[in-house]
Amino acid sequence: MSANEPPSSLVDRDGLRFDLFVYPEAPTRPWRADLFDASGGWRSFATPLELIRHLAHLGMTPMSRGGLR
């Protein structure tokens, strides 16, 4: 590691890689965010709360089928 490198790598350790674009509210348009994942998937969010909920669930493991119904 060189003296200019950060102490931890910028590679995501969970394998989650995405690009997030946030468009603040303006007089001519409402707030919006677009999320593009590494596999080419895309999602758009109309509110910050929608985006936060989605981001909070990205790192969670899927529940087994034997869970609550």
N, C-alpha and C. Protein backbone atom coordinates (compact mmCIF):
# COMPACT_ATOMS: atom_id res chain seq x y z
N MET A 1 0.85 -1.17 0.00
CA MET A 1 0.00 0.00 0.00
C MET A 1 0.90 1.22 0.00
N SER A 2 0.61 2.19 -0.89
CA SER A 2 1.41 3.40 -0.93
C SER A 2 0.93 4.39 0.11
N ALA A 3 1.70 5.43 0.34
CA ALA A 3 1.36 6.43 1.35
C ALA A 3 0.11 7.22 0.98
N ASN A 4 -0.25 7.24 -0.31
CA ASN A 4 -1.41 8.02 -0.76
C ASN A 4 -2.71 7.22 -0.76
N GLU A 5 -2.65 5.92 -0.58
CA GLU A 5 -3.85 5.08 -0.58
C GLU A 5 -4.60 5.20 0.74
N PRO A 6 -5.94 5.18 0.68
CA PRO A 6 -6.69 5.19 1.94
C PRO A 6 -6.46 3.87 2.68
N PRO A 7 -6.62 3.86 4.01
CA PRO A 7 -6.37 2.64 4.78
C PRO A 7 -7.28 1.49 4.41
N SER A 8 -8.48 1.77 3.94
CA SER A 8 -9.38 0.69 3.52
C SER A 8 -9.69 0.86 2.05
N SER A 9 -9.89 -0.24 1.38
CA SER A 9 -10.17 -0.22 -0.04
C SER A 9 -11.54 0.37 -0.30
N LEU A 10 -11.71 1.00 -1.46
CA LEU A 10 -13.00 1.55 -1.83
C LEU A 10 -13.93 0.51 -2.42
N VAL A 11 -13.47 -0.72 -2.57
CA VAL A 11 -14.31 -1.81 -3.07
C VAL A 11 -15.32 -2.18 -2.00
N ASP A 12 -16.57 -2.31 -2.40
CA ASP A 12 -17.64 -2.65 -1.47
C ASP A 12 -17.47 -4.09 -1.00
N ARG A 13 -17.34 -4.29 0.27
CA ARG A 13 -17.11 -5.62 0.83
C ARG A 13 -18.34 -6.53 0.75
N ASP A 14 -19.53 -5.95 0.61
CA ASP A 14 -20.77 -6.74 0.52
C ASP A 14 -21.13 -7.09 -0.92
N GLY A 15 -20.37 -6.62 -1.88
CA GLY A 15 -20.68 -6.89 -3.27
C GLY A 15 -21.77 -6.00 -3.83
N LEU A 16 -22.19 -4.98 -3.08
CA LEU A 16 -23.22 -4.07 -3.55
C LEU A 16 -22.55 -2.88 -4.22
N ARG A 17 -22.79 -2.72 -5.50
CA ARG A 17 -22.23 -1.59 -6.23
C ARG A 17 -23.36 -0.93 -6.99
N PHE A 18 -23.46 0.40 -6.87
CA PHE A 18 -24.51 1.11 -7.58
C PHE A 18 -24.12 2.57 -7.75
N ASP A 19 -24.81 3.23 -8.66
CA ASP A 19 -24.67 4.67 -8.86
C ASP A 19 -25.98 5.31 -8.45
N LEU A 20 -25.89 6.36 -7.67
CA LEU A 20 -27.07 7.07 -7.18
C LEU A 20 -27.02 8.50 -7.68
N PHE A 21 -28.11 8.92 -8.31
CA PHE A 21 -28.24 10.29 -8.79
C PHE A 21 -29.44 10.91 -8.10
N VAL A 22 -29.22 12.02 -7.40
CA VAL A 22 -30.29 12.71 -6.69
C VAL A 22 -30.52 14.06 -7.36
N TYR A 23 -31.77 14.33 -7.68
CA TYR A 23 -32.16 15.58 -8.31
C TYR A 23 -32.99 16.37 -7.30
N PRO A 24 -32.40 17.40 -6.69
CA PRO A 24 -33.14 18.17 -5.68
C PRO A 24 -34.38 18.83 -6.28
N GLU A 25 -35.30 19.13 -5.40
CA GLU A 25 -36.52 19.80 -5.84
C GLU A 25 -36.17 21.15 -6.44
N ALA A 26 -36.85 21.49 -7.51
CA ALA A 26 -36.67 22.77 -8.18
C ALA A 26 -38.06 23.33 -8.49
N PRO A 27 -38.15 24.59 -8.81
CA PRO A 27 -39.47 25.16 -9.12
C PRO A 27 -40.20 24.45 -10.26
N THR A 28 -39.45 23.84 -11.16
CA THR A 28 -40.09 23.19 -12.31
C THR A 28 -40.20 21.68 -12.19
N ARG A 29 -39.66 21.09 -11.10
CA ARG A 29 -39.73 19.63 -10.96
C ARG A 29 -39.66 19.22 -9.49
N PRO A 30 -40.29 18.09 -9.15
CA PRO A 30 -40.21 17.59 -7.77
C PRO A 30 -38.89 16.87 -7.51
N TRP A 31 -38.61 16.56 -6.24
CA TRP A 31 -37.42 15.80 -5.85
C TRP A 31 -37.49 14.43 -6.51
N ARG A 32 -36.34 13.90 -6.91
CA ARG A 32 -36.29 12.58 -7.52
C ARG A 32 -34.90 12.00 -7.35
N ALA A 33 -34.81 10.68 -7.27
CA ALA A 33 -33.52 9.99 -7.24
C ALA A 33 -33.60 8.76 -8.13
N ASP A 34 -32.48 8.46 -8.79
CA ASP A 34 -32.38 7.28 -9.64
C ASP A 34 -31.22 6.43 -9.13
N LEU A 35 -31.45 5.13 -9.03
CA LEU A 35 -30.44 4.19 -8.54
C LEU A 35 -30.19 3.15 -9.64
N PHE A 36 -28.94 3.04 -10.07
CA PHE A 36 -28.54 2.08 -11.10
C PHE A 36 -27.61 1.07 -10.46
N ASP A 37 -27.91 -0.23 -10.58
CA ASP A 37 -27.02 -1.23 -9.99
C ASP A 37 -26.03 -1.74 -11.04
N ALA A 38 -25.05 -2.50 -10.59
CA ALA A 38 -23.96 -2.96 -11.46
C ALA A 38 -24.45 -3.88 -12.57
N SER A 39 -25.58 -4.55 -12.37
CA SER A 39 -26.09 -5.48 -13.39
C SER A 39 -26.98 -4.78 -14.42
N GLY A 40 -27.11 -3.46 -14.32
CA GLY A 40 -27.91 -2.72 -15.28
C GLY A 40 -29.33 -2.43 -14.83
N GLY A 41 -29.68 -2.87 -13.63
CA GLY A 41 -31.01 -2.59 -13.10
C GLY A 41 -31.15 -1.11 -12.74
N TRP A 42 -32.37 -0.62 -12.76
CA TRP A 42 -32.62 0.79 -12.49
C TRP A 42 -33.89 0.93 -11.66
N ARG A 43 -33.86 1.88 -10.74
CA ARG A 43 -35.03 2.20 -9.93
C ARG A 43 -35.10 3.68 -9.71
N SER A 44 -36.29 4.23 -9.72
CA SER A 44 -36.49 5.65 -9.49
C SER A 44 -37.30 5.82 -8.21
N PHE A 45 -37.00 6.89 -7.46
CA PHE A 45 -37.67 7.15 -6.19
C PHE A 45 -38.24 8.57 -6.21
N ALA A 46 -39.48 8.70 -5.74
CA ALA A 46 -40.16 9.99 -5.75
C ALA A 46 -40.00 10.74 -4.44
N THR A 47 -39.58 10.05 -3.37
CA THR A 47 -39.39 10.72 -2.08
C THR A 47 -38.11 10.21 -1.42
N PRO A 48 -37.50 11.04 -0.58
CA PRO A 48 -36.31 10.58 0.14
C PRO A 48 -36.59 9.36 1.02
N LEU A 49 -37.78 9.28 1.60
CA LEU A 49 -38.12 8.15 2.46
C LEU A 49 -38.13 6.84 1.68
N GLU A 50 -38.67 6.85 0.46
CA GLU A 50 -38.64 5.65 -0.40
C GLU A 50 -37.20 5.19 -0.62
N LEU A 51 -36.33 6.14 -0.92
CA LEU A 51 -34.93 5.82 -1.18
C LEU A 51 -34.26 5.25 0.06
N ILE A 52 -34.47 5.86 1.20
CA ILE A 52 -33.86 5.39 2.45
C ILE A 52 -34.33 3.98 2.78
N ARG A 53 -35.61 3.72 2.62
CA ARG A 53 -36.13 2.37 2.89
C ARG A 53 -35.48 1.33 1.98
N HIS A 54 -35.33 1.68 0.72
CA HIS A 54 -34.71 0.75 -0.23
C HIS A 54 -33.25 0.50 0.14
N LEU A 55 -32.51 1.57 0.41
CA LEU A 55 -31.09 1.43 0.77
C LEU A 55 -30.91 0.62 2.05
N ALA A 56 -31.82 0.78 3.00
CA ALA A 56 -31.72 0.04 4.26
C ALA A 56 -31.88 -1.46 4.03
N HIS A 57 -32.61 -1.85 3.02
CA HIS A 57 -32.85 -3.27 2.75
C HIS A 57 -31.85 -3.90 1.79
N LEU A 58 -30.99 -3.10 1.16
CA LEU A 58 -30.04 -3.65 0.19
C LEU A 58 -29.10 -4.68 0.79
N GLY A 59 -28.62 -4.45 2.00
CA GLY A 59 -27.65 -5.36 2.59
C GLY A 59 -28.25 -6.51 3.36
N MET A 60 -29.56 -6.55 3.47
CA MET A 60 -30.20 -7.63 4.23
C MET A 60 -30.22 -8.92 3.41
N THR A 61 -30.13 -10.03 4.11
CA THR A 61 -30.25 -11.31 3.44
C THR A 61 -31.73 -11.64 3.26
N PRO A 62 -32.09 -12.30 2.16
CA PRO A 62 -33.50 -12.63 1.95
C PRO A 62 -34.00 -13.60 3.02
N MET A 63 -35.25 -13.45 3.41
CA MET A 63 -35.86 -14.33 4.42
C MET A 63 -36.17 -15.68 3.78
N SER A 64 -36.09 -16.70 4.58
CA SER A 64 -36.43 -18.04 4.08
C SER A 64 -37.94 -18.15 3.88
N ARG A 65 -38.36 -19.13 3.12
CA ARG A 65 -39.77 -19.32 2.84
C ARG A 65 -40.54 -19.78 4.06
N GLY A 66 -39.87 -20.21 5.11
CA GLY A 66 -40.54 -20.71 6.30
C GLY A 66 -40.86 -19.60 7.30
N GLY A 67 -40.73 -18.35 6.89
CA GLY A 67 -40.97 -17.22 7.79
C GLY A 67 -42.45 -16.96 8.01
N LEU A 68 -42.74 -15.82 8.58
CA LEU A 68 -44.13 -15.44 8.85
C LEU A 68 -44.88 -15.24 7.55
N ARG A 69 -46.17 -15.51 7.61
CA ARG A 69 -47.03 -15.29 6.45
C ARG A 69 -48.18 -14.40 6.81
